[in-house]
Amino acid sequence: MIEIDPIWLTLLLAACFAGFVDAVAGGGGLIQVPALFAALPREAPATLFGTNKIASIFGTLSAARRYVRAVEMPWKLVLPAAASAFVFSFAGAAVVAWLPKDVVRPLVLVLLVAVAVYTWSKPDFGVSKRSPRIAAEHALLVALLVGAVMGFYDGFFGPGAGSFMIFAFVRLYGMDFLHASASAKILNAATNAGALLLFAPSGHVLWALGLGMAVCNIAGAQLGSRLAIRHGSGFVRLVFLVMTTLLIVKIGWDTFRP
């Protein structure tokens, strides 16, 4: 009889749930990263972040593949934004060592609260497609800027990156939540890849655990993306609001606890 380490089993289950949540509305890091830190307290933070990125990138790519097959993707916006996110995610990961995160956390908390309040206050926000708020001649430039900001943030800090990406696509480009979530998966895969370029060559990845978690993350991502496609933007919006609220609670606790 094969015995499974309880710590590994816990992390594999966390990865599955994280993949599910992340595929629908972002926020998988809220589950997977704390699980890694709690289960492996002796490992260096960079190693845990690197292992998280390995698990996440496979799940994200899996969800992206399902979305691409079912949802019409705005590739002219998404691909440039993803390229920009890839480059700036590497830059964000590179400054982790010397830029204190305590400076960033309160600002992120304020932004998440603003996103949640705005979305709650507008019941029709992201339920269906609308006209973009960005002029056509500026759409590409704004996409590159969104990719740069989201990429740097995800490489450096991370929590809420998927939620911010979805919100940006809905607010700026008039997408519904389903298309915004699909587009965010492409950016998220790019940011994970950019950060891994720094973590992996430095030896900051637990490969056996990371790949095991990747398999579970894929399973969760497949289920999450299937439900999102089946139930549409209303379902994605609901999960988005729940995860944004949980992120606010988590980051608020980290910011203000004694």
C-alpha atoms as a PDB file:
ATOM      1  CA  MET A   1       0.000   0.000   0.000  1.00  0.00           C
ATOM      2  CA  ILE A   2       1.357   3.411  -1.009  1.00  0.00           C
ATOM      3  CA  GLU A   3       1.538   5.928   1.822  1.00  0.00           C
ATOM      4  CA  ILE A   4       1.122   9.598   0.988  1.00  0.00           C
ATOM      5  CA  ASP A   5       2.751  12.250   3.142  1.00  0.00           C
ATOM      6  CA  PRO A   6      -0.098  14.189   4.849  1.00  0.00           C
ATOM      7  CA  ILE A   7       1.691  17.459   4.110  1.00  0.00           C
ATOM      8  CA  TRP A   8       1.896  16.627   0.420  1.00  0.00           C
ATOM      9  CA  LEU A   9      -1.743  15.511   0.391  1.00  0.00           C
ATOM     10  CA  THR A  10      -2.806  18.830   1.934  1.00  0.00           C
ATOM     11  CA  LEU A  11      -0.817  20.783  -0.651  1.00  0.00           C
ATOM     12  CA  LEU A  12      -2.180  18.719  -3.536  1.00  0.00           C
ATOM     13  CA  LEU A  13      -5.756  19.347  -2.398  1.00  0.00           C
ATOM     14  CA  ALA A  14      -4.990  23.055  -1.973  1.00  0.00           C
ATOM     15  CA  ALA A  15      -3.570  23.149  -5.499  1.00  0.00           C
ATOM     16  CA  CYS A  16      -6.733  21.549  -6.896  1.00  0.00           C
ATOM     17  CA  PHE A  17      -8.988  24.084  -5.191  1.00  0.00           C
ATOM     18  CA  ALA A  18      -6.667  26.947  -6.161  1.00  0.00           C
ATOM     19  CA  GLY A  19      -6.796  25.852  -9.799  1.00  0.00           C
ATOM     20  CA  PHE A  20     -10.584  25.808  -9.703  1.00  0.00           C
ATOM     21  CA  VAL A  21     -10.895  29.291  -8.197  1.00  0.00           C
ATOM     22  CA  ASP A  22      -8.167  30.795 -10.355  1.00  0.00           C
ATOM     23  CA  ALA A  23      -9.701  29.457 -13.572  1.00  0.00           C
ATOM     24  CA  VAL A  24     -13.007  31.163 -12.807  1.00  0.00           C
ATOM     25  CA  ALA A  25     -12.078  34.558 -11.405  1.00  0.00           C
ATOM     26  CA  GLY A  26      -8.467  34.667 -10.224  1.00  0.00           C
ATOM     27  CA  GLY A  27      -7.373  34.510  -6.597  1.00  0.00           C
ATOM     28  CA  GLY A  28      -5.892  31.025  -6.575  1.00  0.00           C
ATOM     29  CA  GLY A  29      -2.786  32.395  -4.920  1.00  0.00           C
ATOM     30  CA  LEU A  30      -4.902  33.223  -1.872  1.00  0.00           C
ATOM     31  CA  ILE A  31      -5.212  29.460  -1.347  1.00  0.00           C
ATOM     32  CA  GLN A  32      -2.009  27.989  -2.710  1.00  0.00           C
ATOM     33  CA  VAL A  33       0.625  30.393  -1.354  1.00  0.00           C
ATOM     34  CA  PRO A  34      -0.530  30.375   2.307  1.00  0.00           C
ATOM     35  CA  ALA A  35      -0.814  26.574   2.107  1.00  0.00           C
ATOM     36  CA  LEU A  36       2.822  26.313   1.002  1.00  0.00           C
ATOM     37  CA  PHE A  37       4.041  28.691   3.707  1.00  0.00           C
ATOM     38  CA  ALA A  38       2.064  26.881   6.411  1.00  0.00           C
ATOM     39  CA  ALA A  39       3.124  23.392   5.316  1.00  0.00           C
ATOM     40  CA  LEU A  40       6.804  24.148   4.637  1.00  0.00           C
ATOM     41  CA  PRO A  41       7.873  26.829   7.138  1.00  0.00           C
ATOM     42  CA  ARG A  42      11.584  25.973   6.859  1.00  0.00           C
ATOM     43  CA  GLU A  43      11.812  26.612   3.134  1.00  0.00           C
ATOM     44  CA  ALA A  44      12.988  29.972   1.802  1.00  0.00           C
ATOM     45  CA  PRO A  45      10.141  32.258   0.665  1.00  0.00           C
ATOM     46  CA  ALA A  46      11.639  32.459  -2.840  1.00  0.00           C
ATOM     47  CA  THR A  47      11.523  28.650  -3.079  1.00  0.00           C
ATOM     48  CA  LEU A  48       7.874  28.581  -2.048  1.00  0.00           C
ATOM     49  CA  PHE A  49       6.996  31.318  -4.527  1.00  0.00           C
ATOM     50  CA  GLY A  50       8.869  29.486  -7.280  1.00  0.00           C
ATOM     51  CA  THR A  51       7.083  26.229  -6.482  1.00  0.00           C
ATOM     52  CA  ASN A  52       3.769  28.073  -6.507  1.00  0.00           C
ATOM     53  CA  LYS A  53       4.525  29.484  -9.955  1.00  0.00           C
ATOM     54  CA  ILE A  54       5.291  26.012 -11.354  1.00  0.00           C
ATOM     55  CA  ALA A  55       1.958  24.680 -10.116  1.00  0.00           C
ATOM     56  CA  SER A  56       0.067  27.774 -11.234  1.00  0.00           C
ATOM     57  CA  ILE A  57       1.402  28.075 -14.767  1.00  0.00           C
ATOM     58  CA  PHE A  58       0.222  24.606 -15.771  1.00  0.00           C
ATOM     59  CA  GLY A  59      -3.229  25.158 -14.331  1.00  0.00           C
ATOM     60  CA  THR A  60      -3.486  28.585 -15.945  1.00  0.00           C
ATOM     61  CA  LEU A  61      -2.433  27.262 -19.349  1.00  0.00           C
ATOM     62  CA  SER A  62      -4.934  24.442 -19.026  1.00  0.00           C
ATOM     63  CA  ALA A  63      -7.769  26.868 -18.250  1.00  0.00           C
ATOM     64  CA  ALA A  64      -6.613  29.195 -21.043  1.00  0.00           C
ATOM     65  CA  ARG A  65      -6.732  26.330 -23.551  1.00  0.00           C
ATOM     66  CA  ARG A  66     -10.325  25.510 -22.628  1.00  0.00           C
ATOM     67  CA  TYR A  67     -11.362  29.170 -22.807  1.00  0.00           C
ATOM     68  CA  VAL A  68      -9.701  29.644 -26.186  1.00  0.00           C
ATOM     69  CA  ARG A  69     -11.681  26.746 -27.610  1.00  0.00           C
ATOM     70  CA  ALA A  70     -15.009  28.106 -26.326  1.00  0.00           C
ATOM     71  CA  VAL A  71     -14.686  31.906 -26.203  1.00  0.00           C
ATOM     72  CA  GLU A  72     -13.795  34.395 -28.913  1.00  0.00           C
ATOM     73  CA  MET A  73     -10.529  35.959 -27.782  1.00  0.00           C
ATOM     74  CA  PRO A  74      -9.473  39.569 -28.519  1.00  0.00           C
ATOM     75  CA  TRP A  75      -5.981  38.468 -29.556  1.00  0.00           C
ATOM     76  CA  LYS A  76      -4.923  41.896 -30.863  1.00  0.00           C
ATOM     77  CA  LEU A  77      -5.146  43.180 -27.297  1.00  0.00           C
ATOM     78  CA  VAL A  78      -4.316  40.079 -25.305  1.00  0.00           C
ATOM     79  CA  LEU A  79      -1.085  39.003 -26.993  1.00  0.00           C
ATOM     80  CA  PRO A  80       0.710  42.396 -26.730  1.00  0.00           C
ATOM     81  CA  ALA A  81      -0.482  42.712 -23.127  1.00  0.00           C
ATOM     82  CA  ALA A  82       0.808  39.198 -22.392  1.00  0.00           C
ATOM     83  CA  ALA A  83       4.215  39.978 -23.936  1.00  0.00           C
ATOM     84  CA  SER A  84       4.484  43.127 -21.836  1.00  0.00           C
ATOM     85  CA  ALA A  85       3.360  41.213 -18.727  1.00  0.00           C
ATOM     86  CA  PHE A  86       6.028  38.554 -19.322  1.00  0.00           C
ATOM     87  CA  VAL A  87       8.855  41.094 -19.443  1.00  0.00           C
ATOM     88  CA  PHE A  88       7.684  43.112 -16.452  1.00  0.00           C
ATOM     89  CA  SER A  89       6.909  40.039 -14.354  1.00  0.00           C
ATOM     90  CA  PHE A  90      10.581  39.106 -14.564  1.00  0.00           C
ATOM     91  CA  ALA A  91      11.460  42.667 -13.508  1.00  0.00           C
ATOM     92  CA  GLY A  92       9.024  42.480 -10.597  1.00  0.00           C
ATOM     93  CA  ALA A  93      10.466  39.185  -9.384  1.00  0.00           C
ATOM     94  CA  ALA A  94      13.954  40.652  -9.618  1.00  0.00           C
ATOM     95  CA  VAL A  95      13.201  43.462  -7.157  1.00  0.00           C
ATOM     96  CA  VAL A  96      11.583  41.226  -4.529  1.00  0.00           C
ATOM     97  CA  ALA A  97      14.853  41.014  -2.609  1.00  0.00           C
ATOM     98  CA  TRP A  98      15.309  44.743  -1.992  1.00  0.00           C
ATOM     99  CA  LEU A  99      11.925  46.490  -2.167  1.00  0.00           C
ATOM    100  CA  PRO A 100       9.928  46.101   1.092  1.00  0.00           C
ATOM    101  CA  LYS A 101       6.480  44.652   0.501  1.00  0.00           C
ATOM    102  CA  ASP A 102       5.117  46.457   3.543  1.00  0.00           C
ATOM    103  CA  VAL A 103       5.142  49.600   1.414  1.00  0.00           C
ATOM    104  CA  VAL A 104       2.950  47.986  -1.255  1.00  0.00           C
ATOM    105  CA  ARG A 105       0.448  46.042   0.888  1.00  0.00           C
ATOM    106  CA  PRO A 106      -1.676  49.029   2.124  1.00  0.00           C
ATOM    107  CA  LEU A 107      -1.969  50.407  -1.415  1.00  0.00           C
ATOM    108  CA  VAL A 108      -3.086  47.014  -2.737  1.00  0.00           C
ATOM    109  CA  LEU A 109      -5.654  46.800   0.050  1.00  0.00           C
ATOM    110  CA  VAL A 110      -7.126  50.189  -0.900  1.00  0.00           C
ATOM    111  CA  LEU A 111      -7.277  49.219  -4.584  1.00  0.00           C
ATOM    112  CA  LEU A 112      -8.990  45.905  -3.836  1.00  0.00           C
ATOM    113  CA  VAL A 113     -11.602  47.655  -1.696  1.00  0.00           C
ATOM    114  CA  ALA A 114     -12.214  50.142  -4.524  1.00  0.00           C
ATOM    115  CA  VAL A 115     -12.594  47.294  -7.047  1.00  0.00           C
ATOM    116  CA  ALA A 116     -15.030  45.414  -4.792  1.00  0.00           C
ATOM    117  CA  VAL A 117     -17.144  48.479  -3.965  1.00  0.00           C
ATOM    118  CA  TYR A 118     -17.309  49.543  -7.620  1.00  0.00           C
ATOM    119  CA  THR A 119     -18.356  46.064  -8.776  1.00  0.00           C
ATOM    120  CA  TRP A 120     -20.921  45.585  -5.984  1.00  0.00           C
ATOM    121  CA  SER A 121     -22.438  49.023  -6.635  1.00  0.00           C
ATOM    122  CA  LYS A 122     -23.014  48.299 -10.333  1.00  0.00           C
ATOM    123  CA  PRO A 123     -25.049  45.076 -10.683  1.00  0.00           C
ATOM    124  CA  ASP A 124     -24.796  45.156 -14.482  1.00  0.00           C
ATOM    125  CA  PHE A 125     -21.002  45.692 -14.496  1.00  0.00           C
ATOM    126  CA  GLY A 126     -19.430  42.973 -16.649  1.00  0.00           C
ATOM    127  CA  VAL A 127     -22.633  41.002 -17.114  1.00  0.00           C
ATOM    128  CA  SER A 128     -22.618  41.708 -20.838  1.00  0.00           C
ATOM    129  CA  LYS A 129     -20.285  43.319 -23.343  1.00  0.00           C
ATOM    130  CA  ARG A 130     -20.217  47.094 -23.663  1.00  0.00           C
ATOM    131  CA  SER A 131     -18.462  49.674 -25.783  1.00  0.00           C
ATOM    132  CA  PRO A 132     -14.784  50.088 -24.821  1.00  0.00           C
ATOM    133  CA  ARG A 133     -13.840  53.176 -22.833  1.00  0.00           C
ATOM    134  CA  ILE A 134     -10.530  53.299 -24.696  1.00  0.00           C
ATOM    135  CA  ALA A 135     -10.372  54.926 -28.103  1.00  0.00           C
ATOM    136  CA  ALA A 136      -9.431  52.475 -30.855  1.00  0.00           C
ATOM    137  CA  GLU A 137      -6.168  54.290 -31.643  1.00  0.00           C
ATOM    138  CA  HIS A 138      -5.073  53.969 -27.988  1.00  0.00           C
ATOM    139  CA  ALA A 139      -6.211  50.381 -27.383  1.00  0.00           C
ATOM    140  CA  LEU A 140      -2.847  48.744 -28.103  1.00  0.00           C
ATOM    141  CA  LEU A 141      -0.848  51.232 -26.028  1.00  0.00           C
ATOM    142  CA  VAL A 142      -3.192  50.791 -23.062  1.00  0.00           C
ATOM    143  CA  ALA A 143      -2.966  46.987 -23.427  1.00  0.00           C
ATOM    144  CA  LEU A 144       0.827  47.203 -23.226  1.00  0.00           C
ATOM    145  CA  LEU A 145       0.554  49.433 -20.162  1.00  0.00           C
ATOM    146  CA  VAL A 146      -1.935  47.089 -18.472  1.00  0.00           C
ATOM    147  CA  GLY A 147       0.371  44.148 -19.184  1.00  0.00           C
ATOM    148  CA  ALA A 148       3.368  46.019 -17.782  1.00  0.00           C
ATOM    149  CA  VAL A 149       1.643  47.064 -14.551  1.00  0.00           C
ATOM    150  CA  MET A 150      -0.012  43.678 -13.964  1.00  0.00           C
ATOM    151  CA  GLY A 151       3.155  41.794 -14.857  1.00  0.00           C
ATOM    152  CA  PHE A 152       5.362  43.790 -12.504  1.00  0.00           C
ATOM    153  CA  TYR A 153       2.826  43.508  -9.711  1.00  0.00           C
ATOM    154  CA  ASP A 154       2.388  39.736 -10.121  1.00  0.00           C
ATOM    155  CA  GLY A 155       6.135  39.143 -10.247  1.00  0.00           C
ATOM    156  CA  PHE A 156       6.777  41.303  -7.202  1.00  0.00           C
ATOM    157  CA  PHE A 157       3.772  40.790  -4.894  1.00  0.00           C
ATOM    158  CA  GLY A 158       1.041  38.748  -6.584  1.00  0.00           C
ATOM    159  CA  PRO A 159      -2.137  38.567  -4.451  1.00  0.00           C
ATOM    160  CA  GLY A 160      -5.117  39.797  -6.441  1.00  0.00           C
ATOM    161  CA  ALA A 161      -3.268  39.992  -9.763  1.00  0.00           C
ATOM    162  CA  GLY A 162      -5.875  37.889 -11.578  1.00  0.00           C
ATOM    163  CA  SER A 163      -8.689  39.971 -10.086  1.00  0.00           C
ATOM    164  CA  PHE A 164      -7.024  43.229 -11.148  1.00  0.00           C
ATOM    165  CA  MET A 165      -6.535  41.859 -14.674  1.00  0.00           C
ATOM    166  CA  ILE A 166     -10.196  40.885 -14.984  1.00  0.00           C
ATOM    167  CA  PHE A 167     -11.361  44.238 -13.626  1.00  0.00           C
ATOM    168  CA  ALA A 168      -9.111  46.109 -16.067  1.00  0.00           C
ATOM    169  CA  PHE A 169     -10.467  44.216 -19.080  1.00  0.00           C
ATOM    170  CA  VAL A 170     -14.074  44.782 -18.018  1.00  0.00           C
ATOM    171  CA  ARG A 171     -13.618  48.449 -17.097  1.00  0.00           C
ATOM    172  CA  LEU A 172     -11.382  49.563 -19.948  1.00  0.00           C
ATOM    173  CA  TYR A 173     -12.398  47.335 -22.838  1.00  0.00           C
ATOM    174  CA  GLY A 174     -16.066  46.716 -22.081  1.00  0.00           C
ATOM    175  CA  MET A 175     -15.676  42.932 -21.892  1.00  0.00           C
ATOM    176  CA  ASP A 176     -18.091  40.770 -19.934  1.00  0.00           C
ATOM    177  CA  PHE A 177     -16.649  38.816 -17.010  1.00  0.00           C
ATOM    178  CA  LEU A 178     -16.372  35.578 -18.981  1.00  0.00           C
ATOM    179  CA  HIS A 179     -14.250  37.102 -21.764  1.00  0.00           C
ATOM    180  CA  ALA A 180     -12.263  39.142 -19.250  1.00  0.00           C
ATOM    181  CA  SER A 181     -11.462  36.017 -17.233  1.00  0.00           C
ATOM    182  CA  ALA A 182     -10.415  34.182 -20.403  1.00  0.00           C
ATOM    183  CA  SER A 183      -8.138  37.075 -21.412  1.00  0.00           C
ATOM    184  CA  ALA A 184      -6.674  37.300 -17.909  1.00  0.00           C
ATOM    185  CA  LYS A 185      -5.596  33.644 -18.108  1.00  0.00           C
ATOM    186  CA  ILE A 186      -3.288  34.449 -21.017  1.00  0.00           C
ATOM    187  CA  LEU A 187      -1.717  37.324 -19.078  1.00  0.00           C
ATOM    188  CA  ASN A 188      -1.441  35.212 -15.953  1.00  0.00           C
ATOM    189  CA  ALA A 189       0.386  32.460 -17.827  1.00  0.00           C
ATOM    190  CA  ALA A 190       2.818  35.067 -19.152  1.00  0.00           C
ATOM    191  CA  THR A 191       3.471  36.553 -15.700  1.00  0.00           C
ATOM    192  CA  ASN A 192       4.055  33.091 -14.216  1.00  0.00           C
ATOM    193  CA  ALA A 193       6.523  32.298 -16.986  1.00  0.00           C
ATOM    194  CA  GLY A 194       8.369  35.588 -16.503  1.00  0.00           C
ATOM    195  CA  ALA A 195       8.738  35.050 -12.759  1.00  0.00           C
ATOM    196  CA  LEU A 196       9.876  31.450 -13.297  1.00  0.00           C
ATOM    197  CA  LEU A 197      12.730  32.686 -15.481  1.00  0.00           C
ATOM    198  CA  LEU A 198      14.155  34.148 -12.292  1.00  0.00           C
ATOM    199  CA  PHE A 199      13.155  31.511  -9.738  1.00  0.00           C
ATOM    200  CA  ALA A 200      13.996  28.308 -11.659  1.00  0.00           C
ATOM    201  CA  PRO A 201      17.636  28.989 -12.675  1.00  0.00           C
ATOM    202  CA  SER A 202      18.322  30.119  -9.102  1.00  0.00           C
ATOM    203  CA  GLY A 203      17.200  26.750  -7.754  1.00  0.00           C
ATOM    204  CA  HIS A 204      14.117  28.198  -6.055  1.00  0.00           C
ATOM    205  CA  VAL A 205      11.720  25.438  -7.115  1.00  0.00           C
ATOM    206  CA  LEU A 206      10.795  22.167  -5.383  1.00  0.00           C
ATOM    207  CA  TRP A 207      10.289  20.322  -8.645  1.00  0.00           C
ATOM    208  CA  ALA A 208       8.695  17.071  -7.447  1.00  0.00           C
ATOM    209  CA  LEU A 209       6.183  18.873  -5.253  1.00  0.00           C
ATOM    210  CA  GLY A 210       5.599  21.623  -7.804  1.00  0.00           C
ATOM    211  CA  LEU A 211       4.836  19.214 -10.640  1.00  0.00           C
ATOM    212  CA  GLY A 212       2.576  17.149  -8.399  1.00  0.00           C
ATOM    213  CA  MET A 213       0.675  20.288  -7.461  1.00  0.00           C
ATOM    214  CA  ALA A 214       0.581  21.241 -11.150  1.00  0.00           C
ATOM    215  CA  VAL A 215      -1.357  18.070 -11.992  1.00  0.00           C
ATOM    216  CA  CYS A 216      -3.907  18.888  -9.288  1.00  0.00           C
ATOM    217  CA  ASN A 217      -4.017  22.536 -10.333  1.00  0.00           C
ATOM    218  CA  ILE A 218      -4.845  21.426 -13.888  1.00  0.00           C
ATOM    219  CA  ALA A 219      -7.687  19.232 -12.620  1.00  0.00           C
ATOM    220  CA  GLY A 220      -9.163  22.133 -10.672  1.00  0.00           C
ATOM    221  CA  ALA A 221      -8.655  24.537 -13.578  1.00  0.00           C
ATOM    222  CA  GLN A 222     -10.474  22.247 -15.983  1.00  0.00           C
ATOM    223  CA  LEU A 223     -13.495  22.050 -13.683  1.00  0.00           C
ATOM    224  CA  GLY A 224     -13.476  25.785 -12.979  1.00  0.00           C
ATOM    225  CA  SER A 225     -13.214  26.863 -16.615  1.00  0.00           C
ATOM    226  CA  ARG A 226     -15.908  24.367 -17.628  1.00  0.00           C
ATOM    227  CA  LEU A 227     -18.334  25.798 -15.043  1.00  0.00           C
ATOM    228  CA  ALA A 228     -17.467  29.369 -16.025  1.00  0.00           C
ATOM    229  CA  ILE A 229     -18.162  28.678 -19.692  1.00  0.00           C
ATOM    230  CA  ARG A 230     -21.387  26.812 -18.877  1.00  0.00           C
ATOM    231  CA  HIS A 231     -22.834  29.376 -16.454  1.00  0.00           C
ATOM    232  CA  GLY A 232     -21.440  32.540 -18.055  1.00  0.00           C
ATOM    233  CA  SER A 233     -20.545  35.999 -16.810  1.00  0.00           C
ATOM    234  CA  GLY A 234     -22.976  36.084 -13.886  1.00  0.00           C
ATOM    235  CA  PHE A 235     -21.249  33.086 -12.301  1.00  0.00           C
ATOM    236  CA  VAL A 236     -17.775  34.526 -12.930  1.00  0.00           C
ATOM    237  CA  ARG A 237     -18.853  37.878 -11.470  1.00  0.00           C
ATOM    238  CA  LEU A 238     -20.105  36.215  -8.289  1.00  0.00           C
ATOM    239  CA  VAL A 239     -16.900  34.211  -7.773  1.00  0.00           C
ATOM    240  CA  PHE A 240     -14.869  37.339  -8.591  1.00  0.00           C
ATOM    241  CA  LEU A 241     -16.631  39.298  -5.834  1.00  0.00           C
ATOM    242  CA  VAL A 242     -16.261  36.491  -3.292  1.00  0.00           C
ATOM    243  CA  MET A 243     -12.531  36.093  -3.989  1.00  0.00           C
ATOM    244  CA  THR A 244     -11.925  39.852  -3.978  1.00  0.00           C
ATOM    245  CA  THR A 245     -13.620  40.087  -0.585  1.00  0.00           C
ATOM    246  CA  LEU A 246     -11.498  37.244   0.787  1.00  0.00           C
ATOM    247  CA  LEU A 247      -8.368  38.922  -0.576  1.00  0.00           C
ATOM    248  CA  ILE A 248      -9.333  42.131   1.217  1.00  0.00           C
ATOM    249  CA  VAL A 249      -9.740  40.234   4.482  1.00  0.00           C
ATOM    250  CA  LYS A 250      -6.428  38.387   4.043  1.00  0.00           C
ATOM    251  CA  ILE A 251      -4.351  41.424   3.073  1.00  0.00           C
ATOM    252  CA  GLY A 252      -6.093  43.543   5.710  1.00  0.00           C
ATOM    253  CA  TRP A 253      -5.173  40.989   8.349  1.00  0.00           C
ATOM    254  CA  ASP A 254      -1.553  40.905   7.166  1.00  0.00           C
ATOM    255  CA  THR A 255      -1.422  44.709   7.187  1.00  0.00           C
ATOM    256  CA  PHE A 256      -2.997  45.543  10.523  1.00  0.00           C
ATOM    257  CA  ARG A 257      -2.352  42.555  12.772  1.00  0.00           C
ATOM    258  CA  PRO A 258      -0.048  43.315  15.761  1.00  0.00           C
END
